[in-house]
């Protein structure tokens, strides 16, 4: 009896798991769209309560993303894993430092970082900072990932 697991078997199992996750995500989407009752036990200090459907959909998306990432990571070979780890460490960190320095320098120079249509509130500035940090890390990662593969071709 041959009990050896081949790469094709593992890929087929991963595809089946991903298909099952997709069906579950579709079901969560239906619940998210149709359940409109307000979330119980929502603190008034946080503002208006979202619907239960939105909470279920957001939680389902978080679980789906985590599981999808796990199955995707397991499907990669060792070289691809090393490329991603290296790119996230070096590209993400250097992108974060360069992007953060750029935002700080622009703010100190008096550059209006928010569009005119957006209210200039503390929440808007915090959201801009988070988005700028994520974008800078993603750009740095992309550059480093391409550099990894170009250097090893």
N, C-alpha and C. Protein backbone atom coordinates (compact mmCIF):
# COMPACT_ATOMS: atom_id res chain seq x y z
N UNK A 1 0.84 -1.19 0.00
CA UNK A 1 0.00 0.00 0.00
C UNK A 1 0.88 1.24 0.00
N UNK A 2 0.62 2.14 -0.92
CA UNK A 2 1.41 3.35 -1.04
C UNK A 2 0.76 4.47 -0.24
N UNK A 3 1.41 4.87 0.86
CA UNK A 3 0.85 5.93 1.71
C UNK A 3 1.57 7.25 1.52
N UNK A 4 2.42 7.32 0.52
CA UNK A 4 3.17 8.54 0.26
C UNK A 4 2.25 9.63 -0.29
N UNK A 5 2.37 10.82 0.26
CA UNK A 5 1.55 11.96 -0.18
C UNK A 5 2.35 12.74 -1.22
N UNK A 6 1.76 12.88 -2.37
CA UNK A 6 2.44 13.61 -3.44
C UNK A 6 2.06 15.09 -3.38
N UNK A 7 2.80 15.89 -4.09
CA UNK A 7 2.51 17.32 -4.15
C UNK A 7 1.15 17.56 -4.79
N UNK A 8 0.79 16.74 -5.76
CA UNK A 8 -0.52 16.89 -6.43
C UNK A 8 -1.65 16.60 -5.46
N UNK A 9 -1.47 15.58 -4.59
CA UNK A 9 -2.49 15.27 -3.59
C UNK A 9 -2.66 16.43 -2.61
N UNK A 10 -1.54 16.98 -2.17
CA UNK A 10 -1.60 18.11 -1.23
C UNK A 10 -2.26 19.31 -1.88
N UNK A 11 -1.95 19.56 -3.15
CA UNK A 11 -2.56 20.70 -3.85
C UNK A 11 -4.06 20.48 -4.02
N UNK A 12 -4.47 19.24 -4.30
CA UNK A 12 -5.90 18.94 -4.45
C UNK A 12 -6.63 19.14 -3.12
N UNK A 13 -5.99 18.72 -2.02
CA UNK A 13 -6.62 18.92 -0.71
C UNK A 13 -6.74 20.41 -0.39
N UNK A 14 -5.68 21.18 -0.69
CA UNK A 14 -5.74 22.62 -0.45
C UNK A 14 -6.84 23.27 -1.28
N UNK A 15 -7.00 22.85 -2.54
CA UNK A 15 -8.04 23.40 -3.40
C UNK A 15 -9.41 23.08 -2.84
N UNK A 16 -9.60 21.88 -2.33
CA UNK A 16 -10.89 21.49 -1.74
C UNK A 16 -11.18 22.35 -0.52
N UNK A 17 -10.18 22.58 0.32
CA UNK A 17 -10.36 23.42 1.50
C UNK A 17 -10.72 24.85 1.09
N UNK A 18 -10.04 25.36 0.05
CA UNK A 18 -10.33 26.71 -0.41
C UNK A 18 -11.74 26.81 -0.99
N UNK A 19 -12.18 25.77 -1.71
CA UNK A 19 -13.54 25.76 -2.24
C UNK A 19 -14.56 25.75 -1.10
N UNK A 20 -14.30 24.97 -0.06
CA UNK A 20 -15.20 24.94 1.10
C UNK A 20 -15.24 26.30 1.79
N UNK A 21 -14.08 26.95 1.90
CA UNK A 21 -14.04 28.29 2.51
C UNK A 21 -14.83 29.29 1.68
N UNK A 22 -14.75 29.18 0.37
CA UNK A 22 -15.47 30.10 -0.51
C UNK A 22 -16.98 29.94 -0.34
N UNK A 23 -17.45 28.71 -0.22
CA UNK A 23 -18.88 28.48 0.01
C UNK A 23 -19.31 29.08 1.35
N UNK A 24 -18.49 28.89 2.38
CA UNK A 24 -18.80 29.47 3.69
C UNK A 24 -18.81 30.99 3.63
N UNK A 25 -17.89 31.59 2.87
CA UNK A 25 -17.87 33.05 2.74
C UNK A 25 -19.11 33.55 2.03
N UNK A 26 -19.57 32.83 1.02
CA UNK A 26 -20.82 33.20 0.34
C UNK A 26 -22.00 33.16 1.29
N UNK A 27 -22.05 32.13 2.14
CA UNK A 27 -23.13 32.05 3.13
C UNK A 27 -23.05 33.20 4.12
N UNK A 28 -21.84 33.55 4.54
CA UNK A 28 -21.68 34.70 5.45
C UNK A 28 -22.11 36.00 4.78
N UNK A 29 -21.85 36.12 3.50
CA UNK A 29 -22.27 37.32 2.77
C UNK A 29 -23.79 37.43 2.75
N UNK A 30 -24.47 36.32 2.54
CA UNK A 30 -25.94 36.33 2.56
C UNK A 30 -26.44 36.76 3.93
N UNK A 31 -25.84 36.22 4.99
CA UNK A 31 -26.24 36.60 6.35
C UNK A 31 -25.93 38.08 6.58
N UNK A 32 -24.75 38.52 6.13
CA UNK A 32 -24.36 39.91 6.33
C UNK A 32 -25.28 40.90 5.66
N UNK A 33 -25.81 40.53 4.51
CA UNK A 33 -26.71 41.42 3.77
C UNK A 33 -28.12 41.38 4.34
N UNK A 34 -28.54 40.21 4.83
CA UNK A 34 -29.94 40.06 5.23
C UNK A 34 -30.21 40.35 6.70
N UNK A 35 -29.26 40.16 7.57
CA UNK A 35 -29.50 40.39 9.01
C UNK A 35 -29.30 41.88 9.31
N UNK A 36 -30.39 42.57 9.60
CA UNK A 36 -30.31 44.01 9.78
C UNK A 36 -30.56 44.47 11.21
N UNK A 37 -30.81 43.55 12.13
CA UNK A 37 -31.05 43.94 13.52
C UNK A 37 -29.76 44.51 14.11
N UNK A 38 -29.92 45.50 15.00
CA UNK A 38 -28.75 46.12 15.61
C UNK A 38 -28.06 45.14 16.55
N UNK A 39 -26.75 45.29 16.68
CA UNK A 39 -25.97 44.44 17.57
C UNK A 39 -26.34 44.76 19.02
N UNK A 40 -26.74 43.73 19.79
CA UNK A 40 -27.08 43.98 21.20
C UNK A 40 -25.81 44.24 22.02
N UNK A 41 -25.97 44.85 23.13
CA UNK A 41 -24.90 45.11 24.09
C UNK A 41 -23.79 45.99 23.51
N UNK A 42 -24.16 46.91 22.65
CA UNK A 42 -23.19 47.82 22.04
C UNK A 42 -23.08 49.06 22.92
N UNK A 43 -21.89 49.45 23.38
CA UNK A 43 -21.76 50.64 24.24
C UNK A 43 -22.16 51.91 23.48
N UNK A 44 -22.94 52.75 24.13
CA UNK A 44 -23.38 54.00 23.49
C UNK A 44 -22.21 54.92 23.17
N UNK A 45 -21.14 54.82 23.96
CA UNK A 45 -19.98 55.68 23.74
C UNK A 45 -19.32 55.41 22.39
N UNK A 46 -19.55 54.24 21.80
CA UNK A 46 -18.96 53.89 20.52
C UNK A 46 -19.79 54.35 19.35
N UNK A 47 -20.92 54.97 19.60
CA UNK A 47 -21.79 55.44 18.52
C UNK A 47 -22.87 54.44 18.20
N UNK A 48 -23.46 54.60 17.02
CA UNK A 48 -24.55 53.72 16.60
C UNK A 48 -24.07 52.28 16.39
N UNK A 49 -24.86 51.33 16.86
CA UNK A 49 -24.49 49.92 16.76
C UNK A 49 -24.64 49.43 15.32
N UNK A 50 -23.65 48.65 14.84
CA UNK A 50 -23.78 48.07 13.50
C UNK A 50 -24.79 46.91 13.54
N UNK A 51 -25.25 46.51 12.38
CA UNK A 51 -26.19 45.38 12.35
C UNK A 51 -25.44 44.09 12.65
N UNK A 52 -26.18 43.10 13.12
CA UNK A 52 -25.58 41.80 13.41
C UNK A 52 -24.96 41.21 12.15
N UNK A 53 -25.61 41.44 11.02
CA UNK A 53 -25.08 40.92 9.76
C UNK A 53 -23.69 41.46 9.45
N UNK A 54 -23.48 42.74 9.70
CA UNK A 54 -22.17 43.34 9.44
C UNK A 54 -21.12 42.74 10.37
N UNK A 55 -21.48 42.52 11.63
CA UNK A 55 -20.54 41.92 12.58
C UNK A 55 -20.20 40.50 12.16
N UNK A 56 -21.22 39.72 11.78
CA UNK A 56 -20.99 38.34 11.34
C UNK A 56 -20.12 38.32 10.08
N UNK A 57 -20.41 39.20 9.14
CA UNK A 57 -19.63 39.26 7.91
C UNK A 57 -18.18 39.65 8.18
N UNK A 58 -17.95 40.64 9.03
CA UNK A 58 -16.59 41.07 9.35
C UNK A 58 -15.81 39.96 10.05
N UNK A 59 -16.45 39.28 11.00
CA UNK A 59 -15.78 38.18 11.69
C UNK A 59 -15.49 37.04 10.72
N UNK A 60 -16.44 36.73 9.85
CA UNK A 60 -16.24 35.68 8.86
C UNK A 60 -15.13 36.01 7.89
N UNK A 61 -15.05 37.26 7.47
CA UNK A 61 -13.97 37.68 6.56
C UNK A 61 -12.61 37.55 7.24
N UNK A 62 -12.54 37.89 8.52
CA UNK A 62 -11.28 37.77 9.24
C UNK A 62 -10.84 36.31 9.32
N UNK A 63 -11.76 35.41 9.63
CA UNK A 63 -11.44 33.99 9.69
C UNK A 63 -11.07 33.47 8.30
N UNK A 64 -11.84 33.86 7.29
CA UNK A 64 -11.55 33.43 5.91
C UNK A 64 -10.16 33.88 5.50
N UNK A 65 -9.81 35.13 5.77
CA UNK A 65 -8.50 35.64 5.39
C UNK A 65 -7.38 34.89 6.10
N UNK A 66 -7.56 34.62 7.39
CA UNK A 66 -6.54 33.89 8.14
C UNK A 66 -6.36 32.48 7.58
N UNK A 67 -7.45 31.77 7.34
CA UNK A 67 -7.35 30.41 6.81
C UNK A 67 -6.80 30.39 5.38
N UNK A 68 -7.26 31.34 4.56
CA UNK A 68 -6.76 31.42 3.19
C UNK A 68 -5.25 31.65 3.20
N UNK A 69 -4.78 32.53 4.05
CA UNK A 69 -3.35 32.81 4.14
C UNK A 69 -2.59 31.57 4.60
N UNK A 70 -3.14 30.84 5.56
CA UNK A 70 -2.50 29.62 6.03
C UNK A 70 -2.36 28.59 4.91
N UNK A 71 -3.43 28.34 4.17
CA UNK A 71 -3.36 27.36 3.08
C UNK A 71 -2.44 27.84 1.96
N UNK A 72 -2.47 29.15 1.69
CA UNK A 72 -1.59 29.69 0.66
C UNK A 72 -0.13 29.51 1.07
N UNK A 73 0.19 29.82 2.33
CA UNK A 73 1.57 29.73 2.82
C UNK A 73 2.07 28.29 2.75
N UNK A 74 1.22 27.35 3.12
CA UNK A 74 1.60 25.94 3.09
C UNK A 74 1.83 25.43 1.67
N UNK A 75 1.23 26.09 0.69
CA UNK A 75 1.39 25.64 -0.70
C UNK A 75 2.67 26.17 -1.34
N UNK A 76 3.35 27.09 -0.70
CA UNK A 76 4.57 27.66 -1.29
C UNK A 76 5.77 26.74 -1.09
N UNK A 77 6.72 26.82 -2.00
CA UNK A 77 7.97 26.09 -1.81
C UNK A 77 8.91 26.92 -0.93
N UNK A 78 10.03 26.34 -0.55
CA UNK A 78 10.93 26.99 0.39
C UNK A 78 11.52 28.30 -0.15
N UNK A 79 11.82 28.35 -1.45
CA UNK A 79 12.39 29.57 -2.03
C UNK A 79 11.38 30.72 -1.99
N UNK A 80 10.13 30.43 -2.30
CA UNK A 80 9.10 31.47 -2.26
C UNK A 80 8.87 31.95 -0.84
N UNK A 81 8.88 31.03 0.12
CA UNK A 81 8.72 31.43 1.53
C UNK A 81 9.85 32.35 1.96
N UNK A 82 11.08 31.99 1.61
CA UNK A 82 12.23 32.83 1.97
C UNK A 82 12.13 34.21 1.31
N UNK A 83 11.70 34.25 0.06
CA UNK A 83 11.55 35.54 -0.63
C UNK A 83 10.53 36.42 0.09
N UNK A 84 9.41 35.84 0.47
CA UNK A 84 8.38 36.63 1.16
C UNK A 84 8.85 37.09 2.53
N UNK A 85 9.49 36.21 3.28
CA UNK A 85 9.97 36.60 4.61
C UNK A 85 11.01 37.71 4.52
N UNK A 86 11.95 37.54 3.60
CA UNK A 86 13.00 38.53 3.43
C UNK A 86 12.41 39.87 2.99
N UNK A 87 11.50 39.83 2.04
CA UNK A 87 10.90 41.06 1.52
C UNK A 87 10.07 41.77 2.58
N UNK A 88 9.30 41.00 3.39
CA UNK A 88 8.52 41.66 4.45
C UNK A 88 9.42 42.26 5.50
N UNK A 89 10.51 41.58 5.84
CA UNK A 89 11.39 42.13 6.87
C UNK A 89 12.10 43.39 6.36
N UNK A 90 12.86 43.26 5.29
CA UNK A 90 13.65 44.38 4.81
C UNK A 90 12.81 45.43 4.08
N UNK A 91 12.01 45.01 3.15
CA UNK A 91 11.20 45.97 2.40
C UNK A 91 10.14 46.63 3.24
N UNK A 92 9.45 45.84 4.07
CA UNK A 92 8.41 46.40 4.92
C UNK A 92 8.97 47.39 5.94
N UNK A 93 10.08 47.02 6.59
CA UNK A 93 10.67 47.92 7.59
C UNK A 93 11.26 49.18 6.97
N UNK A 94 12.00 49.01 5.88
CA UNK A 94 12.58 50.20 5.24
C UNK A 94 11.50 51.08 4.62
N UNK A 95 10.47 50.46 4.07
CA UNK A 95 9.34 51.23 3.54
C UNK A 95 8.63 52.00 4.64
N UNK A 96 8.46 51.37 5.79
CA UNK A 96 7.82 52.03 6.93
C UNK A 96 8.65 53.23 7.40
N UNK A 97 9.95 53.05 7.51
CA UNK A 97 10.82 54.14 7.95
C UNK A 97 10.81 55.28 6.93
N UNK A 98 10.96 54.95 5.65
CA UNK A 98 10.98 55.99 4.61
C UNK A 98 9.62 56.67 4.49
N UNK A 99 8.55 55.89 4.53
CA UNK A 99 7.21 56.48 4.44
C UNK A 99 6.88 57.35 5.64
N UNK A 100 7.25 56.87 6.83
CA UNK A 100 7.02 57.66 8.04
C UNK A 100 7.80 58.96 8.02
N UNK A 101 9.05 58.89 7.60
CA UNK A 101 9.86 60.10 7.51
C UNK A 101 9.28 61.07 6.49
N UNK A 102 8.78 60.57 5.40
CA UNK A 102 8.18 61.42 4.37
C UNK A 102 6.95 62.14 4.89
N UNK A 103 6.08 61.41 5.61
CA UNK A 103 4.87 62.02 6.16
C UNK A 103 5.23 63.07 7.21
N UNK A 104 6.19 62.77 8.06
CA UNK A 104 6.59 63.73 9.10
C UNK A 104 7.20 64.97 8.46
N UNK A 105 8.07 64.80 7.49
CA UNK A 105 8.69 65.95 6.83
C UNK A 105 7.64 66.79 6.11
N UNK A 106 6.70 66.13 5.43
CA UNK A 106 5.64 66.86 4.73
C UNK A 106 4.77 67.63 5.72
N UNK A 107 4.44 67.01 6.85
CA UNK A 107 3.61 67.68 7.85
C UNK A 107 4.34 68.88 8.45
N UNK A 108 5.62 68.72 8.73
CA UNK A 108 6.40 69.82 9.29
C UNK A 108 6.61 70.95 8.29
N UNK A 109 6.61 70.61 7.00
CA UNK A 109 6.77 71.62 5.96
C UNK A 109 5.47 72.35 5.67
N UNK A 110 4.38 71.92 6.31
CA UNK A 110 3.10 72.59 6.12
C UNK A 110 2.29 72.09 4.95
N UNK A 111 2.64 70.94 4.40
CA UNK A 111 1.89 70.36 3.29
C UNK A 111 0.55 69.87 3.82
N UNK A 112 -0.51 70.21 3.11
CA UNK A 112 -1.84 69.74 3.50
C UNK A 112 -1.98 68.30 3.02
N UNK A 113 -1.95 67.35 3.96
CA UNK A 113 -1.92 65.94 3.61
C UNK A 113 -3.30 65.37 3.31
N UNK A 114 -4.35 66.03 3.75
CA UNK A 114 -5.71 65.55 3.52
C UNK A 114 -6.35 66.30 2.36
N UNK A 115 -7.14 65.63 1.56
CA UNK A 115 -7.85 66.33 0.49
C UNK A 115 -8.84 67.35 1.08
N UNK A 116 -9.20 68.33 0.30
CA UNK A 116 -10.10 69.38 0.78
C UNK A 116 -11.47 68.84 1.16
N UNK A 117 -11.92 67.77 0.52
CA UNK A 117 -13.25 67.22 0.80
C UNK A 117 -13.32 66.49 2.13
N UNK A 118 -12.17 66.15 2.72
CA UNK A 118 -12.14 65.41 3.98
C UNK A 118 -12.01 66.40 5.14
N UNK A 119 -12.87 66.22 6.15
CA UNK A 119 -12.79 67.08 7.33
C UNK A 119 -11.45 66.85 8.03
N UNK A 120 -10.82 67.93 8.46
CA UNK A 120 -9.51 67.83 9.11
C UNK A 120 -9.70 67.57 10.59
N UNK A 121 -9.98 66.33 10.92
CA UNK A 121 -10.17 65.93 12.31
C UNK A 121 -9.02 65.03 12.74
N UNK A 122 -8.95 64.79 14.05
CA UNK A 122 -7.91 63.89 14.55
C UNK A 122 -8.09 62.49 13.98
N UNK A 123 -9.33 62.03 13.89
CA UNK A 123 -9.60 60.69 13.36
C UNK A 123 -9.15 60.57 11.90
N UNK A 124 -9.36 61.60 11.12
CA UNK A 124 -8.95 61.58 9.72
C UNK A 124 -7.43 61.54 9.60
N UNK A 125 -6.75 62.29 10.45
CA UNK A 125 -5.28 62.28 10.42
C UNK A 125 -4.72 60.94 10.86
N UNK A 126 -5.35 60.31 11.86
CA UNK A 126 -4.91 58.99 12.30
C UNK A 126 -5.12 57.97 11.19
N UNK A 127 -6.29 58.03 10.54
CA UNK A 127 -6.57 57.12 9.43
C UNK A 127 -5.56 57.32 8.30
N UNK A 128 -5.21 58.57 8.02
CA UNK A 128 -4.20 58.85 6.99
C UNK A 128 -2.86 58.25 7.39
N UNK A 129 -2.49 58.37 8.65
CA UNK A 129 -1.22 57.82 9.11
C UNK A 129 -1.17 56.31 8.99
N UNK A 130 -2.25 55.64 9.36
CA UNK A 130 -2.30 54.18 9.24
C UNK A 130 -2.23 53.77 7.77
N UNK A 131 -3.01 54.44 6.93
CA UNK A 131 -3.01 54.10 5.50
C UNK A 131 -1.64 54.38 4.88
N UNK A 132 -1.02 55.48 5.25
CA UNK A 132 0.31 55.80 4.71
C UNK A 132 1.34 54.78 5.16
N UNK A 133 1.27 54.35 6.41
CA UNK A 133 2.22 53.34 6.91
C UNK A 133 2.04 52.02 6.17
N UNK A 134 0.78 51.61 5.98
CA UNK A 134 0.53 50.36 5.27
C UNK A 134 0.98 50.45 3.82
N UNK A 135 0.67 51.55 3.18
CA UNK A 135 1.06 51.72 1.78
C UNK A 135 2.58 51.73 1.63
N UNK A 136 3.27 52.41 2.54
CA UNK A 136 4.73 52.47 2.46
C UNK A 136 5.33 51.08 2.67
N UNK A 137 4.78 50.31 3.61
CA UNK A 137 5.27 48.96 3.83
C UNK A 137 5.01 48.07 2.61
N UNK A 138 3.84 48.21 2.01
CA UNK A 138 3.50 47.39 0.84
C UNK A 138 4.40 47.72 -0.34
N UNK A 139 4.67 49.00 -0.56
CA UNK A 139 5.56 49.40 -1.66
C UNK A 139 6.98 48.88 -1.40
N UNK A 140 7.46 49.04 -0.16
CA UNK A 140 8.78 48.53 0.18
C UNK A 140 8.87 47.03 0.01
N UNK A 141 7.83 46.32 0.43
CA UNK A 141 7.78 44.87 0.26
C UNK A 141 7.85 44.50 -1.22
N UNK A 142 7.05 45.17 -2.04
CA UNK A 142 7.03 44.86 -3.47
C UNK A 142 8.38 45.07 -4.12
N UNK A 143 9.04 46.15 -3.78
CA UNK A 143 10.36 46.43 -4.35
C UNK A 143 11.37 45.38 -3.88
N UNK A 144 11.33 45.05 -2.59
CA UNK A 144 12.28 44.06 -2.06
C UNK A 144 12.02 42.68 -2.63
N UNK A 145 10.75 42.32 -2.80
CA UNK A 145 10.41 41.00 -3.35
C UNK A 145 10.91 40.87 -4.79
N UNK A 146 10.69 41.92 -5.58
CA UNK A 146 11.21 41.91 -6.96
C UNK A 146 12.74 41.84 -6.96
N UNK A 147 13.36 42.59 -6.07
CA UNK A 147 14.82 42.57 -5.96
C UNK A 147 15.36 41.20 -5.58
N UNK A 148 14.66 40.50 -4.70
CA UNK A 148 15.07 39.15 -4.30
C UNK A 148 15.12 38.23 -5.51
N UNK A 149 14.05 38.25 -6.31
CA UNK A 149 13.99 37.34 -7.44
C UNK A 149 14.93 37.75 -8.57
N UNK A 150 15.10 39.06 -8.78
CA UNK A 150 16.03 39.51 -9.81
C UNK A 150 17.47 39.10 -9.46
N UNK A 151 17.82 39.22 -8.17
CA UNK A 151 19.17 38.87 -7.74
C UNK A 151 19.44 37.38 -7.84
N UNK A 152 18.42 36.56 -7.83
CA UNK A 152 18.60 35.10 -7.83
C UNK A 152 18.25 34.45 -9.16
N UNK A 153 18.10 35.19 -10.19
CA UNK A 153 17.79 34.62 -11.52
C UNK A 153 19.04 34.33 -12.28
